[in-house]
Amino acid sequence: MAAPLELSCWGGGWGLPSVHSDSLVVMAYAKFSGAPLKVNVIDNNWRGSRGDVPVLTTEDNTISQPAKILNFLRKQKYNADYELSAKQGADTLAYIALLEEKLLPAVLHTFWVESDNYFTVTKPWFASRMPFPLSLILPGRMSKGALNRILLTRGEPPFYHLREVEAQIYRDAKECLNLLSNRLGTSQFFFGDMPSTLDAYVFGFLAPLYKVRFPKVQLQEHLKQLSNLCRFCDDILNSYFRVSLGDG
């Protein structure tokens, strides 16, 4: 009998199984590969001290970060990429790097740095899932972590003023969305009829941007003009997560 696999992650809202991109990447990959995860949604009883979720726990291991979790699942024979060619595998790595360089900074900015979004949506949502006093401390720490990650991704020193790079962040993100839309075309998934690692990453990055209702929505508005990417998100939600959807 296989050892139990438990995933601790942020929960859902707005029709999503999780509103957290990293958690969604792992949850989607597990669905695509058939990995039997027991999902533990973080709530007010959470005993963690930091926001470094998702975390996969087995009998012998505790693993965080999506790439490391997915590598572990592949070693356990839960592989969503077994039908891909070597070129498609290389393309997967290239597109994931593109997502993390060009799209991730704008997604983080939308959730954690844009003040109207942070104070009216992101901070209240995450704080409501945390026990006191973490609810007072951790959202701010996660916001600072997101800002540092943006500046690091931009290749600028931490003292570089964010406003000077915001416009470029969103230009890069819109170009990345256009590239993804062109690459997907009319296909169901990025490499045909079966979802793979790349689909898990794209879904994890796009679905919260697509579904969460924010007051400031410039990147969201651009995404909603790309109907095939919206259909892609909706199809995965309807096919793989219909039973587990949470309310906003």
C-alpha atoms as a PDB file:
ATOM      1  CA  MET A   1       0.000   0.000   0.000  1.00  0.00           C
ATOM      2  CA  ALA A   2       1.371   3.387  -1.026  1.00  0.00           C
ATOM      3  CA  ALA A   3       2.443   5.776   1.715  1.00  0.00           C
ATOM      4  CA  PRO A   4      -0.077   8.568   2.293  1.00  0.00           C
ATOM      5  CA  LEU A   5       0.684  11.906   0.663  1.00  0.00           C
ATOM      6  CA  GLU A   6      -0.669  14.962   2.468  1.00  0.00           C
ATOM      7  CA  LEU A   7      -0.659  18.451   0.981  1.00  0.00           C
ATOM      8  CA  SER A   8      -1.071  21.473   3.223  1.00  0.00           C
ATOM      9  CA  CYS A   9      -2.172  24.455   1.152  1.00  0.00           C
ATOM     10  CA  TRP A  10      -4.236  27.608   1.095  1.00  0.00           C
ATOM     11  CA  GLY A  11      -7.911  27.032   0.449  1.00  0.00           C
ATOM     12  CA  GLY A  12     -10.324  28.266  -2.159  1.00  0.00           C
ATOM     13  CA  GLY A  13     -12.725  31.024  -3.036  1.00  0.00           C
ATOM     14  CA  TRP A  14     -14.288  32.641  -6.097  1.00  0.00           C
ATOM     15  CA  GLY A  15     -14.903  29.202  -7.584  1.00  0.00           C
ATOM     16  CA  LEU A  16     -11.275  28.090  -7.165  1.00  0.00           C
ATOM     17  CA  PRO A  17      -9.964  25.147  -5.110  1.00  0.00           C
ATOM     18  CA  SER A  18      -7.171  27.490  -3.952  1.00  0.00           C
ATOM     19  CA  VAL A  19      -6.561  31.202  -4.504  1.00  0.00           C
ATOM     20  CA  HIS A  20      -2.790  30.677  -4.128  1.00  0.00           C
ATOM     21  CA  SER A  21      -0.819  30.075  -7.327  1.00  0.00           C
ATOM     22  CA  ASP A  22       1.807  27.726  -5.887  1.00  0.00           C
ATOM     23  CA  SER A  23      -0.880  25.637  -4.180  1.00  0.00           C
ATOM     24  CA  LEU A  24      -2.892  25.478  -7.408  1.00  0.00           C
ATOM     25  CA  VAL A  25       0.103  24.317  -9.439  1.00  0.00           C
ATOM     26  CA  VAL A  26       0.595  21.315  -7.149  1.00  0.00           C
ATOM     27  CA  MET A  27      -3.125  20.535  -6.841  1.00  0.00           C
ATOM     28  CA  ALA A  28      -3.561  20.598 -10.622  1.00  0.00           C
ATOM     29  CA  TYR A  29      -0.494  18.438 -11.267  1.00  0.00           C
ATOM     30  CA  ALA A  30      -1.727  15.887  -8.735  1.00  0.00           C
ATOM     31  CA  LYS A  31      -5.071  15.720 -10.540  1.00  0.00           C
ATOM     32  CA  PHE A  32      -3.386  15.376 -13.942  1.00  0.00           C
ATOM     33  CA  SER A  33      -0.985  12.638 -12.787  1.00  0.00           C
ATOM     34  CA  GLY A  34      -3.408  10.716 -10.561  1.00  0.00           C
ATOM     35  CA  ALA A  35      -1.398  11.318  -7.385  1.00  0.00           C
ATOM     36  CA  PRO A  36      -3.632  10.438  -4.384  1.00  0.00           C
ATOM     37  CA  LEU A  37      -3.168  13.556  -2.283  1.00  0.00           C
ATOM     38  CA  LYS A  38      -5.015  14.193   0.930  1.00  0.00           C
ATOM     39  CA  VAL A  39      -5.464  17.975   0.895  1.00  0.00           C
ATOM     40  CA  ASN A  40      -5.333  19.784   4.222  1.00  0.00           C
ATOM     41  CA  VAL A  41      -6.619  23.320   3.785  1.00  0.00           C
ATOM     42  CA  ILE A  42      -5.049  25.848   6.127  1.00  0.00           C
ATOM     43  CA  ASP A  43      -7.544  27.361   8.558  1.00  0.00           C
ATOM     44  CA  ASN A  44      -7.610  29.119  11.939  1.00  0.00           C
ATOM     45  CA  ASN A  45      -6.091  26.044  13.604  1.00  0.00           C
ATOM     46  CA  TRP A  46      -2.964  26.207  11.455  1.00  0.00           C
ATOM     47  CA  ARG A  47       0.224  25.716  13.483  1.00  0.00           C
ATOM     48  CA  GLY A  48       2.692  26.863  10.820  1.00  0.00           C
ATOM     49  CA  SER A  49       4.808  29.943  11.417  1.00  0.00           C
ATOM     50  CA  ARG A  50       5.428  31.115   7.856  1.00  0.00           C
ATOM     51  CA  GLY A  51       3.622  31.340   4.546  1.00  0.00           C
ATOM     52  CA  ASP A  52       5.834  28.774   2.825  1.00  0.00           C
ATOM     53  CA  VAL A  53       3.032  26.581   1.544  1.00  0.00           C
ATOM     54  CA  PRO A  54       2.174  24.325  -0.206  1.00  0.00           C
ATOM     55  CA  VAL A  55       3.929  21.631   1.817  1.00  0.00           C
ATOM     56  CA  LEU A  56       3.833  17.930   0.917  1.00  0.00           C
ATOM     57  CA  THR A  57       4.204  15.535   3.845  1.00  0.00           C
ATOM     58  CA  THR A  58       4.902  11.810   3.543  1.00  0.00           C
ATOM     59  CA  GLU A  59       6.022   9.182   6.058  1.00  0.00           C
ATOM     60  CA  ASP A  60       9.649  10.189   5.492  1.00  0.00           C
ATOM     61  CA  ASN A  61       9.693  13.633   3.858  1.00  0.00           C
ATOM     62  CA  THR A  62       8.449  17.201   4.155  1.00  0.00           C
ATOM     63  CA  ILE A  63       8.776  19.044   0.860  1.00  0.00           C
ATOM     64  CA  SER A  64       7.933  22.622  -0.057  1.00  0.00           C
ATOM     65  CA  GLN A  65       8.105  24.603  -3.323  1.00  0.00           C
ATOM     66  CA  PRO A  66       6.084  23.412  -6.332  1.00  0.00           C
ATOM     67  CA  ALA A  67       9.050  22.302  -8.474  1.00  0.00           C
ATOM     68  CA  LYS A  68      10.437  20.109  -5.688  1.00  0.00           C
ATOM     69  CA  ILE A  69       7.004  18.653  -4.898  1.00  0.00           C
ATOM     70  CA  LEU A  70       6.382  17.826  -8.561  1.00  0.00           C
ATOM     71  CA  ASN A  71       9.811  16.200  -8.860  1.00  0.00           C
ATOM     72  CA  PHE A  72       9.027  14.058  -5.817  1.00  0.00           C
ATOM     73  CA  LEU A  73       5.673  13.000  -7.296  1.00  0.00           C
ATOM     74  CA  ARG A  74       7.379  12.028 -10.564  1.00  0.00           C
ATOM     75  CA  LYS A  75       9.815   9.841  -8.629  1.00  0.00           C
ATOM     76  CA  GLN A  76       6.778   8.136  -7.093  1.00  0.00           C
ATOM     77  CA  LYS A  77       5.603   7.330 -10.656  1.00  0.00           C
ATOM     78  CA  TYR A  78       2.953  10.069 -10.751  1.00  0.00           C
ATOM     79  CA  ASN A  79       4.060  11.560 -14.041  1.00  0.00           C
ATOM     80  CA  ALA A  80       1.852  13.839 -16.130  1.00  0.00           C
ATOM     81  CA  ASP A  81       4.573  14.174 -18.787  1.00  0.00           C
ATOM     82  CA  TYR A  82       5.224  10.560 -19.774  1.00  0.00           C
ATOM     83  CA  GLU A  83       3.786  11.082 -23.278  1.00  0.00           C
ATOM     84  CA  LEU A  84       5.846  14.199 -24.025  1.00  0.00           C
ATOM     85  CA  SER A  85       8.740  14.155 -26.476  1.00  0.00           C
ATOM     86  CA  ALA A  86      12.196  15.404 -25.509  1.00  0.00           C
ATOM     87  CA  LYS A  87      11.484  18.662 -27.355  1.00  0.00           C
ATOM     88  CA  GLN A  88       8.184  19.111 -25.534  1.00  0.00           C
ATOM     89  CA  GLY A  89       9.987  18.501 -22.247  1.00  0.00           C
ATOM     90  CA  ALA A  90      12.502  21.202 -23.144  1.00  0.00           C
ATOM     91  CA  ASP A  91       9.681  23.534 -24.187  1.00  0.00           C
ATOM     92  CA  THR A  92       8.037  22.921 -20.813  1.00  0.00           C
ATOM     93  CA  LEU A  93      11.130  24.111 -18.947  1.00  0.00           C
ATOM     94  CA  ALA A  94      11.449  27.155 -21.203  1.00  0.00           C
ATOM     95  CA  TYR A  95       7.813  28.188 -20.750  1.00  0.00           C
ATOM     96  CA  ILE A  96       7.929  27.730 -16.974  1.00  0.00           C
ATOM     97  CA  ALA A  97      11.009  29.952 -16.856  1.00  0.00           C
ATOM     98  CA  LEU A  98       9.141  32.510 -18.977  1.00  0.00           C
ATOM     99  CA  LEU A  99       6.135  32.395 -16.642  1.00  0.00           C
ATOM    100  CA  GLU A 100       8.312  32.956 -13.590  1.00  0.00           C
ATOM    101  CA  GLU A 101      10.268  35.783 -15.192  1.00  0.00           C
ATOM    102  CA  LYS A 102       7.552  37.642 -17.095  1.00  0.00           C
ATOM    103  CA  LEU A 103       4.165  36.792 -15.555  1.00  0.00           C
ATOM    104  CA  LEU A 104       4.836  36.020 -11.902  1.00  0.00           C
ATOM    105  CA  PRO A 105       5.978  39.567 -10.968  1.00  0.00           C
ATOM    106  CA  ALA A 106       2.698  41.039 -12.202  1.00  0.00           C
ATOM    107  CA  VAL A 107       0.598  38.349 -10.493  1.00  0.00           C
ATOM    108  CA  LEU A 108       2.422  38.991  -7.206  1.00  0.00           C
ATOM    109  CA  HIS A 109       2.016  42.730  -7.679  1.00  0.00           C
ATOM    110  CA  THR A 110      -1.718  42.368  -8.379  1.00  0.00           C
ATOM    111  CA  PHE A 111      -2.290  40.358  -5.190  1.00  0.00           C
ATOM    112  CA  TRP A 112       0.277  41.602  -2.708  1.00  0.00           C
ATOM    113  CA  VAL A 113       1.629  45.020  -3.674  1.00  0.00           C
ATOM    114  CA  GLU A 114      -1.189  46.952  -5.388  1.00  0.00           C
ATOM    115  CA  SER A 115      -2.568  48.643  -2.262  1.00  0.00           C
ATOM    116  CA  ASP A 116      -6.294  48.636  -3.121  1.00  0.00           C
ATOM    117  CA  ASN A 117      -6.200  44.925  -3.943  1.00  0.00           C
ATOM    118  CA  TYR A 118      -4.059  44.053  -0.938  1.00  0.00           C
ATOM    119  CA  PHE A 119      -6.080  45.897   1.685  1.00  0.00           C
ATOM    120  CA  THR A 120      -9.562  45.087   0.363  1.00  0.00           C
ATOM    121  CA  VAL A 121      -9.085  41.511  -0.903  1.00  0.00           C
ATOM    122  CA  THR A 122      -5.748  39.759  -0.300  1.00  0.00           C
ATOM    123  CA  LYS A 123      -4.981  40.732   3.291  1.00  0.00           C
ATOM    124  CA  PRO A 124      -8.529  40.151   4.646  1.00  0.00           C
ATOM    125  CA  TRP A 125      -8.837  36.801   2.854  1.00  0.00           C
ATOM    126  CA  PHE A 126      -5.525  35.361   4.072  1.00  0.00           C
ATOM    127  CA  ALA A 127      -5.829  36.870   7.571  1.00  0.00           C
ATOM    128  CA  SER A 128      -9.249  35.238   8.000  1.00  0.00           C
ATOM    129  CA  ARG A 129      -7.617  31.820   7.455  1.00  0.00           C
ATOM    130  CA  MET A 130      -4.876  32.356  10.042  1.00  0.00           C
ATOM    131  CA  PRO A 131      -4.982  32.000  13.821  1.00  0.00           C
ATOM    132  CA  PHE A 132      -4.287  35.003  16.010  1.00  0.00           C
ATOM    133  CA  PRO A 133      -1.658  36.502  16.257  1.00  0.00           C
ATOM    134  CA  LEU A 134      -0.344  35.180  12.908  1.00  0.00           C
ATOM    135  CA  SER A 135      -3.279  36.936  11.231  1.00  0.00           C
ATOM    136  CA  LEU A 136      -1.776  40.273  12.302  1.00  0.00           C
ATOM    137  CA  ILE A 137       1.782  39.477  11.237  1.00  0.00           C
ATOM    138  CA  LEU A 138       1.921  37.011   8.362  1.00  0.00           C
ATOM    139  CA  PRO A 139      -0.016  38.864   5.597  1.00  0.00           C
ATOM    140  CA  GLY A 140       2.387  41.801   5.885  1.00  0.00           C
ATOM    141  CA  ARG A 141       5.351  39.443   5.839  1.00  0.00           C
ATOM    142  CA  MET A 142       3.951  37.702   2.752  1.00  0.00           C
ATOM    143  CA  SER A 143       3.455  41.085   1.072  1.00  0.00           C
ATOM    144  CA  LYS A 144       7.083  42.037   1.748  1.00  0.00           C
ATOM    145  CA  GLY A 145       8.200  38.641   0.476  1.00  0.00           C
ATOM    146  CA  ALA A 146       6.242  39.179  -2.742  1.00  0.00           C
ATOM    147  CA  LEU A 147       7.789  42.615  -3.213  1.00  0.00           C
ATOM    148  CA  ASN A 148      11.290  41.224  -2.691  1.00  0.00           C
ATOM    149  CA  ARG A 149      10.585  38.409  -5.137  1.00  0.00           C
ATOM    150  CA  ILE A 150       9.389  40.944  -7.746  1.00  0.00           C
ATOM    151  CA  LEU A 151      12.496  43.063  -7.380  1.00  0.00           C
ATOM    152  CA  LEU A 152      14.735  39.994  -7.438  1.00  0.00           C
ATOM    153  CA  THR A 153      13.004  38.735 -10.588  1.00  0.00           C
ATOM    154  CA  ARG A 154      13.483  42.116 -12.216  1.00  0.00           C
ATOM    155  CA  GLY A 155      17.198  41.857 -11.547  1.00  0.00           C
ATOM    156  CA  GLU A 156      17.233  45.069  -9.569  1.00  0.00           C
ATOM    157  CA  PRO A 157      18.695  45.675  -6.104  1.00  0.00           C
ATOM    158  CA  PRO A 158      16.100  45.841  -3.303  1.00  0.00           C
ATOM    159  CA  PHE A 159      16.401  49.614  -2.977  1.00  0.00           C
ATOM    160  CA  TYR A 160      15.262  50.130  -6.578  1.00  0.00           C
ATOM    161  CA  HIS A 161      11.927  51.993  -6.484  1.00  0.00           C
ATOM    162  CA  LEU A 162       9.044  49.736  -7.441  1.00  0.00           C
ATOM    163  CA  ARG A 163       7.070  52.452  -9.256  1.00  0.00           C
ATOM    164  CA  GLU A 164       9.900  52.760 -11.740  1.00  0.00           C
ATOM    165  CA  VAL A 165       9.515  49.125 -12.802  1.00  0.00           C
ATOM    166  CA  GLU A 166       5.709  48.678 -12.465  1.00  0.00           C
ATOM    167  CA  ALA A 167       4.926  49.717 -16.035  1.00  0.00           C
ATOM    168  CA  GLN A 168       7.526  47.290 -17.399  1.00  0.00           C
ATOM    169  CA  ILE A 169       6.221  44.502 -15.145  1.00  0.00           C
ATOM    170  CA  TYR A 170       2.748  44.799 -16.644  1.00  0.00           C
ATOM    171  CA  ARG A 171       4.022  45.164 -20.207  1.00  0.00           C
ATOM    172  CA  ASP A 172       6.018  41.967 -19.802  1.00  0.00           C
ATOM    173  CA  ALA A 173       3.045  40.158 -18.284  1.00  0.00           C
ATOM    174  CA  LYS A 174       0.688  41.159 -21.104  1.00  0.00           C
ATOM    175  CA  GLU A 175       3.236  40.028 -23.692  1.00  0.00           C
ATOM    176  CA  CYS A 176       3.541  36.718 -21.845  1.00  0.00           C
ATOM    177  CA  LEU A 177      -0.237  36.253 -21.819  1.00  0.00           C
ATOM    178  CA  ASN A 178      -0.374  36.976 -25.546  1.00  0.00           C
ATOM    179  CA  LEU A 179       2.387  34.425 -26.156  1.00  0.00           C
ATOM    180  CA  LEU A 180       0.549  31.782 -24.100  1.00  0.00           C
ATOM    181  CA  SER A 181      -2.687  32.497 -25.953  1.00  0.00           C
ATOM    182  CA  ASN A 182      -0.973  32.127 -29.330  1.00  0.00           C
ATOM    183  CA  ARG A 183       0.773  28.927 -28.209  1.00  0.00           C
ATOM    184  CA  LEU A 184      -2.445  27.352 -26.917  1.00  0.00           C
ATOM    185  CA  GLY A 185      -4.498  28.315 -29.958  1.00  0.00           C
ATOM    186  CA  THR A 186      -7.583  26.118 -30.216  1.00  0.00           C
ATOM    187  CA  SER A 187      -6.015  23.142 -28.417  1.00  0.00           C
ATOM    188  CA  GLN A 188      -7.453  21.887 -25.149  1.00  0.00           C
ATOM    189  CA  PHE A 189      -4.026  21.777 -23.509  1.00  0.00           C
ATOM    190  CA  PHE A 190      -0.586  23.069 -24.443  1.00  0.00           C
ATOM    191  CA  PHE A 191       0.629  19.747 -25.838  1.00  0.00           C
ATOM    192  CA  GLY A 192      -2.624  18.417 -27.246  1.00  0.00           C
ATOM    193  CA  ASP A 193      -5.336  16.385 -25.547  1.00  0.00           C
ATOM    194  CA  MET A 194      -3.632  15.514 -22.255  1.00  0.00           C
ATOM    195  CA  PRO A 195      -2.642  17.959 -19.500  1.00  0.00           C
ATOM    196  CA  SER A 196       0.996  18.121 -18.421  1.00  0.00           C
ATOM    197  CA  THR A 197       3.291  19.994 -16.062  1.00  0.00           C
ATOM    198  CA  LEU A 198       3.103  23.124 -18.215  1.00  0.00           C
ATOM    199  CA  ASP A 199      -0.694  23.124 -18.010  1.00  0.00           C
ATOM    200  CA  ALA A 200      -0.482  22.870 -14.221  1.00  0.00           C
ATOM    201  CA  TYR A 201       1.817  25.902 -14.043  1.00  0.00           C
ATOM    202  CA  VAL A 202      -0.202  28.010 -16.487  1.00  0.00           C
ATOM    203  CA  PHE A 203      -3.424  27.133 -14.673  1.00  0.00           C
ATOM    204  CA  GLY A 204      -1.880  27.903 -11.279  1.00  0.00           C
ATOM    205  CA  PHE A 205      -0.695  31.317 -12.442  1.00  0.00           C
ATOM    206  CA  LEU A 206      -3.783  32.288 -14.457  1.00  0.00           C
ATOM    207  CA  ALA A 207      -6.770  30.963 -12.534  1.00  0.00           C
ATOM    208  CA  PRO A 208      -6.481  33.300  -9.497  1.00  0.00           C
ATOM    209  CA  LEU A 209      -5.852  36.241 -11.814  1.00  0.00           C
ATOM    210  CA  TYR A 210      -8.923  35.235 -13.823  1.00  0.00           C
ATOM    211  CA  LYS A 211     -11.357  34.525 -10.982  1.00  0.00           C
ATOM    212  CA  VAL A 212     -10.541  36.630  -7.906  1.00  0.00           C
ATOM    213  CA  ARG A 213     -12.552  39.857  -7.841  1.00  0.00           C
ATOM    214  CA  PHE A 214     -10.188  42.807  -7.382  1.00  0.00           C
ATOM    215  CA  PRO A 215     -10.824  46.567  -7.447  1.00  0.00           C
ATOM    216  CA  LYS A 216      -7.702  47.106  -9.625  1.00  0.00           C
ATOM    217  CA  VAL A 217      -7.847  44.750 -12.589  1.00  0.00           C
ATOM    218  CA  GLN A 218      -5.560  45.936 -15.407  1.00  0.00           C
ATOM    219  CA  LEU A 219      -3.902  42.548 -15.946  1.00  0.00           C
ATOM    220  CA  GLN A 220      -7.181  40.729 -15.292  1.00  0.00           C
ATOM    221  CA  GLU A 221      -8.887  42.780 -17.999  1.00  0.00           C
ATOM    222  CA  HIS A 222      -6.189  41.824 -20.496  1.00  0.00           C
ATOM    223  CA  LEU A 223      -6.493  38.134 -19.591  1.00  0.00           C
ATOM    224  CA  LYS A 224     -10.266  38.217 -20.050  1.00  0.00           C
ATOM    225  CA  GLN A 225      -9.779  39.446 -23.618  1.00  0.00           C
ATOM    226  CA  LEU A 226      -7.891  36.204 -24.383  1.00  0.00           C
ATOM    227  CA  SER A 227     -10.876  33.866 -24.552  1.00  0.00           C
ATOM    228  CA  ASN A 228      -8.894  30.668 -25.128  1.00  0.00           C
ATOM    229  CA  LEU A 229      -6.912  31.140 -21.883  1.00  0.00           C
ATOM    230  CA  CYS A 230     -10.158  31.768 -19.977  1.00  0.00           C
ATOM    231  CA  ARG A 231     -11.687  28.659 -21.540  1.00  0.00           C
ATOM    232  CA  PHE A 232      -8.551  26.728 -20.588  1.00  0.00           C
ATOM    233  CA  CYS A 233      -9.006  27.707 -16.914  1.00  0.00           C
ATOM    234  CA  ASP A 234     -12.737  26.984 -16.962  1.00  0.00           C
ATOM    235  CA  ASP A 235     -12.228  23.566 -18.561  1.00  0.00           C
ATOM    236  CA  ILE A 236      -9.703  22.492 -15.915  1.00  0.00           C
ATOM    237  CA  LEU A 237     -11.936  23.740 -13.095  1.00  0.00           C
ATOM    238  CA  ASN A 238     -14.967  21.923 -14.513  1.00  0.00           C
ATOM    239  CA  SER A 239     -13.121  18.697 -15.375  1.00  0.00           C
ATOM    240  CA  TYR A 240     -10.858  18.263 -12.344  1.00  0.00           C
ATOM    241  CA  PHE A 241     -12.115  20.408  -9.465  1.00  0.00           C
ATOM    242  CA  ARG A 242     -15.897  20.569  -9.701  1.00  0.00           C
ATOM    243  CA  VAL A 243     -16.459  18.547  -6.531  1.00  0.00           C
ATOM    244  CA  SER A 244     -13.991  20.526  -4.409  1.00  0.00           C
ATOM    245  CA  LEU A 245     -14.813  24.103  -5.359  1.00  0.00           C
ATOM    246  CA  GLY A 246     -15.097  26.542  -2.467  1.00  0.00           C
ATOM    247  CA  ASP A 247     -17.140  29.690  -2.151  1.00  0.00           C
ATOM    248  CA  GLY A 248     -15.658  33.164  -2.274  1.00  0.00           C
END
